[in-house]
Protein backbone atom coordinates (compact mmCIF):
# COMPACT_ATOMS: atom_id res chain seq x y z
CA UNK A 1 -15.87 23.65 -54.42
CA UNK A 2 -12.03 23.82 -54.29
CA UNK A 3 -10.14 22.09 -51.51
CA UNK A 4 -6.38 21.98 -50.89
CA UNK A 5 -4.88 19.93 -48.05
CA UNK A 6 -1.33 19.67 -46.75
CA UNK A 7 0.26 21.57 -49.65
CA UNK A 8 4.07 21.58 -49.49
CA UNK A 9 6.38 23.09 -52.10
CA UNK A 10 10.13 23.57 -52.16
CA UNK A 11 12.53 24.94 -54.73
CA UNK A 12 15.86 23.29 -53.99
CA UNK A 13 16.54 23.81 -50.29
CA UNK A 14 14.03 26.68 -50.04
CA UNK A 15 10.75 25.58 -48.47
CA UNK A 16 8.09 27.91 -49.87
CA UNK A 17 4.89 26.20 -48.68
CA UNK A 18 4.88 24.22 -45.44
CA UNK A 19 1.57 22.41 -45.21
CA UNK A 20 -1.19 24.73 -46.43
CA UNK A 21 -4.90 23.86 -46.08
CA UNK A 22 -7.46 26.03 -47.86
CA UNK A 23 -11.04 25.67 -49.06
CA UNK A 24 -12.81 27.98 -51.53
CA UNK A 25 -16.61 27.93 -51.73
CA UNK A 26 -18.73 28.50 -54.83
CA UNK A 27 -18.99 32.22 -55.74
CA UNK A 28 -16.73 33.21 -52.82
CA UNK A 29 -14.23 36.07 -53.15
CA UNK A 30 -11.08 35.32 -51.17
CA UNK A 31 -8.03 37.57 -50.87
CA UNK A 32 -4.59 36.17 -50.02
CA UNK A 33 -2.24 38.64 -48.36
CA UNK A 34 1.20 38.60 -46.78
CA UNK A 35 4.68 39.98 -47.22
CA UNK A 36 6.83 39.21 -50.26
CA UNK A 37 8.18 35.68 -50.03
CA UNK A 38 5.30 34.41 -47.89
CA UNK A 39 4.28 31.91 -50.58
CA UNK A 40 1.16 33.65 -51.93
CA UNK A 41 1.85 33.38 -55.65
CA UNK A 42 3.22 29.84 -55.32
CA UNK A 43 0.01 28.79 -53.60
CA UNK A 44 -2.09 30.53 -56.25
CA UNK A 45 -0.24 28.76 -59.06
CA UNK A 46 -0.73 25.38 -57.38
CA UNK A 47 -4.43 26.04 -56.75
CA UNK A 48 -4.74 26.98 -60.42
CA UNK A 49 -2.86 23.83 -61.55
CA UNK A 50 -0.06 25.88 -63.15
CA UNK A 51 2.38 24.23 -60.73
CA UNK A 52 2.35 20.98 -58.76
CA UNK A 53 3.03 20.57 -55.04
CA UNK A 54 5.66 18.22 -53.65
CA UNK A 55 3.09 16.89 -51.17
CA UNK A 56 -0.62 17.38 -50.61
CA UNK A 57 -3.96 17.00 -52.34
CA UNK A 58 -6.09 19.29 -54.51
CA UNK A 59 -9.73 18.68 -55.40
CA UNK A 60 -12.38 20.63 -57.29
CA UNK A 61 -15.98 19.44 -57.08
CA UNK A 62 -14.69 16.06 -55.94
CA UNK A 63 -12.23 15.61 -58.83
CA UNK A 64 -8.66 14.87 -57.73
CA UNK A 65 -6.73 17.38 -59.81
CA UNK A 66 -3.24 16.08 -59.09
CA UNK A 67 -4.17 12.79 -60.77
CA UNK A 68 -4.80 14.61 -64.06
CA UNK A 69 -1.92 14.75 -66.51
CA UNK A 70 -1.09 16.14 -69.93
CA UNK A 71 -4.02 16.91 -72.18
CA UNK A 72 -6.59 15.97 -69.54
CA UNK A 73 -5.14 18.54 -67.13
CA UNK A 74 -4.87 21.19 -69.85
CA UNK A 75 -8.50 20.63 -70.86
CA UNK A 76 -9.72 20.85 -67.26
CA UNK A 77 -7.75 24.05 -66.68
CA UNK A 78 -9.06 25.60 -69.89
CA UNK A 79 -12.69 24.78 -69.09
CA UNK A 80 -12.90 25.30 -65.32
CA UNK A 81 -10.23 27.84 -64.36
CA UNK A 82 -9.56 31.45 -65.37
CA UNK A 83 -6.43 33.52 -64.78
CA UNK A 84 -5.74 37.25 -64.46
CA UNK A 85 -2.13 38.38 -64.17
CA UNK A 86 -0.52 41.66 -63.14
CA UNK A 87 1.00 42.25 -66.59
CA UNK A 88 -2.14 41.31 -68.59
CA UNK A 89 -0.26 38.89 -70.92
CA UNK A 90 -2.22 40.03 -73.96
CA UNK A 91 -0.93 39.02 -77.39
CA UNK A 92 0.08 42.27 -79.13
CA UNK A 93 -0.68 41.15 -82.69
CA UNK A 94 -4.35 40.42 -81.93
CA UNK A 95 -7.25 42.76 -81.25
CA UNK A 96 -8.90 42.98 -77.84
CA UNK A 97 -11.75 40.76 -79.04
CA UNK A 98 -9.38 38.17 -80.47
CA UNK A 99 -7.43 38.09 -77.20
CA UNK A 100 -10.67 37.53 -75.28
CA UNK A 101 -11.69 34.68 -77.59
CA UNK A 102 -8.42 32.70 -77.41
CA UNK A 103 -9.32 30.33 -74.51
CA UNK A 104 -12.64 29.59 -76.22
CA UNK A 105 -10.91 28.83 -79.53
CA UNK A 106 -8.60 26.44 -77.68
CA UNK A 107 -11.75 24.77 -76.31
CA UNK A 108 -13.03 24.55 -79.92
CA UNK A 109 -16.09 26.69 -79.26
CA UNK A 110 -17.50 28.09 -82.50
CA UNK A 111 -16.13 31.53 -83.45
CA UNK A 112 -19.66 32.90 -83.87
CA UNK A 113 -20.57 31.95 -80.29
CA UNK A 114 -17.32 33.40 -79.02
CA UNK A 115 -17.86 36.68 -80.84
CA UNK A 116 -21.28 36.96 -79.25
CA UNK A 117 -20.06 36.08 -75.76
CA UNK A 118 -16.96 38.28 -75.97
CA UNK A 119 -19.24 41.15 -76.99
CA UNK A 120 -21.50 40.50 -73.99
CA UNK A 121 -18.54 40.40 -71.61
CA UNK A 122 -17.07 43.55 -73.15
CA UNK A 123 -20.40 45.31 -72.64
CA UNK A 124 -20.47 44.22 -69.00
CA UNK A 125 -16.86 45.38 -68.55
CA UNK A 126 -17.34 48.70 -70.33
CA UNK A 127 -14.92 48.04 -73.19
CA UNK A 128 -17.31 47.18 -76.04
CA UNK A 129 -16.13 50.24 -77.99
CA UNK A 130 -12.51 49.01 -77.87
CA UNK A 131 -12.88 45.45 -79.16
CA UNK A 132 -11.21 46.10 -82.52
CA UNK A 133 -8.18 47.83 -80.97
CA UNK A 134 -4.76 46.25 -80.44
CA UNK A 135 -3.42 46.13 -76.86
CA UNK A 136 -0.82 48.83 -77.56
CA UNK A 137 -3.60 51.35 -78.14
CA UNK A 138 -5.46 50.53 -74.91
CA UNK A 139 -4.95 52.13 -71.50
CA UNK A 140 -3.70 50.00 -68.62
CA UNK A 141 -7.20 49.79 -67.19
CA UNK A 142 -8.65 48.73 -70.55
CA UNK A 143 -5.97 46.09 -71.03
CA UNK A 144 -6.75 44.64 -67.62
CA UNK A 145 -10.47 44.50 -68.43
CA UNK A 146 -9.65 42.64 -71.64
CA UNK A 147 -7.65 40.19 -69.51
CA UNK A 148 -10.63 39.81 -67.16
CA UNK A 149 -12.96 39.09 -70.11
CA UNK A 150 -10.48 36.52 -71.44
CA UNK A 151 -10.47 34.80 -68.03
CA UNK A 152 -14.27 34.61 -68.11
CA UNK A 153 -14.89 33.55 -71.74
CA UNK A 154 -15.18 29.82 -70.90
CA UNK A 155 -17.39 30.44 -67.83
CA UNK A 156 -14.89 28.96 -65.34
CA UNK A 157 -15.86 27.95 -61.82
CA UNK A 158 -13.04 29.99 -60.30
CA UNK A 159 -10.81 32.86 -61.40
CA UNK A 160 -7.31 33.27 -59.94
CA UNK A 161 -5.88 36.78 -59.97
CA UNK A 162 -2.23 37.52 -59.11
CA UNK A 163 -1.79 41.19 -58.14
CA UNK A 164 -4.44 42.22 -60.70
CA UNK A 165 -4.30 45.91 -59.81
CA UNK A 166 -0.55 46.07 -59.22
CA UNK A 167 0.13 48.12 -62.36
CA UNK A 168 -2.98 50.29 -62.26
CA UNK A 169 -3.42 53.80 -60.93
CA UNK A 170 -5.70 54.38 -57.94
CA UNK A 171 -8.80 55.16 -60.03
CA UNK A 172 -8.47 52.09 -62.26
CA UNK A 173 -7.54 49.86 -59.34
CA UNK A 174 -10.69 50.87 -57.46
CA UNK A 175 -12.79 50.24 -60.56
CA UNK A 176 -11.26 46.79 -61.02
CA UNK A 177 -11.89 45.88 -57.40
CA UNK A 178 -15.56 46.86 -57.67
CA UNK A 179 -15.78 44.96 -60.95
CA UNK A 180 -14.93 41.65 -59.30
CA UNK A 181 -17.97 41.94 -57.07
CA UNK A 182 -20.20 42.93 -59.98
CA UNK A 183 -18.98 39.90 -61.92
CA UNK A 184 -19.58 37.58 -58.98
CA UNK A 185 -23.15 38.88 -58.75
CA UNK A 186 -23.79 38.65 -62.50
CA UNK A 187 -21.87 35.47 -63.40
CA UNK A 188 -21.35 33.55 -60.16
CA UNK A 189 -17.62 32.86 -60.35
CA UNK A 190 -15.41 32.46 -57.30
CA UNK A 191 -12.36 34.75 -57.22
CA UNK A 192 -9.09 34.05 -55.42
CA UNK A 193 -6.96 37.18 -55.42
CA UNK A 194 -3.35 37.60 -54.33
CA UNK A 195 -2.90 41.27 -53.51
CA UNK A 196 -0.90 43.84 -51.60
CA UNK A 197 -3.81 46.27 -51.92
CA UNK A 198 -5.36 46.51 -48.48
CA UNK A 199 -8.62 47.99 -49.78
CA UNK A 200 -9.20 45.04 -52.10
CA UNK A 201 -8.15 42.56 -49.42
CA UNK A 202 -10.65 43.88 -46.90
CA UNK A 203 -13.46 44.04 -49.49
CA UNK A 204 -13.26 40.27 -50.01
CA UNK A 205 -15.63 37.84 -48.33
CA UNK A 206 -12.62 36.37 -46.56
CA UNK A 207 -9.01 37.49 -46.12
CA UNK A 208 -6.35 34.79 -45.82
CA UNK A 209 -2.99 35.90 -44.43
CA UNK A 210 0.20 34.00 -45.17
CA UNK A 211 3.54 34.14 -43.43
CA UNK A 212 6.63 32.01 -44.02
CA UNK A 213 4.80 29.42 -46.12
CA UNK A 214 1.79 28.85 -43.85
CA UNK A 215 -1.64 30.38 -43.36
CA UNK A 216 -1.90 32.23 -40.07
């Protein structure tokens, strides 16, 4: 489904990725682990089209992603890719439901459809009773579930998560980890997760270890 070949990336004289090859299958959960500075987040951002490699190729379902530019790339990312970040990145002035709906509004999906789908996702994620609350009134675990729902609102093929449980306590982290597998079963998305959490890493279908800009 997603295929990266020969990915190189440098920032100035610092070589961060040194020829990475990786394939992600449909509905597969893959964890990416390694010490700080190994290149995990850089690889995740390139796989998710948030950054571009210096060399290499990136394809999803046969489409050459690095040939897409501007609005075409933004539209593809919005429709086919979801993101979950460590710090949630929720907009404080909007309710939980409004935050969830934002990628769908960008896609120009009707608000009525988005309200229905955001409600269904919130029910699945156990936050349906918090939809009208602003992020500041939500717990860390609730905020992260809102971020997960937002990542799923456009039914992407793959969701990229960068340290998704990094700011959660043990109980909420465990719940989030189990949630990914429930979502895969219910909705069929692939998940690619950068994590330092060994429990989450070993739960994945496949664990990819990085060191010094390469996959071991």
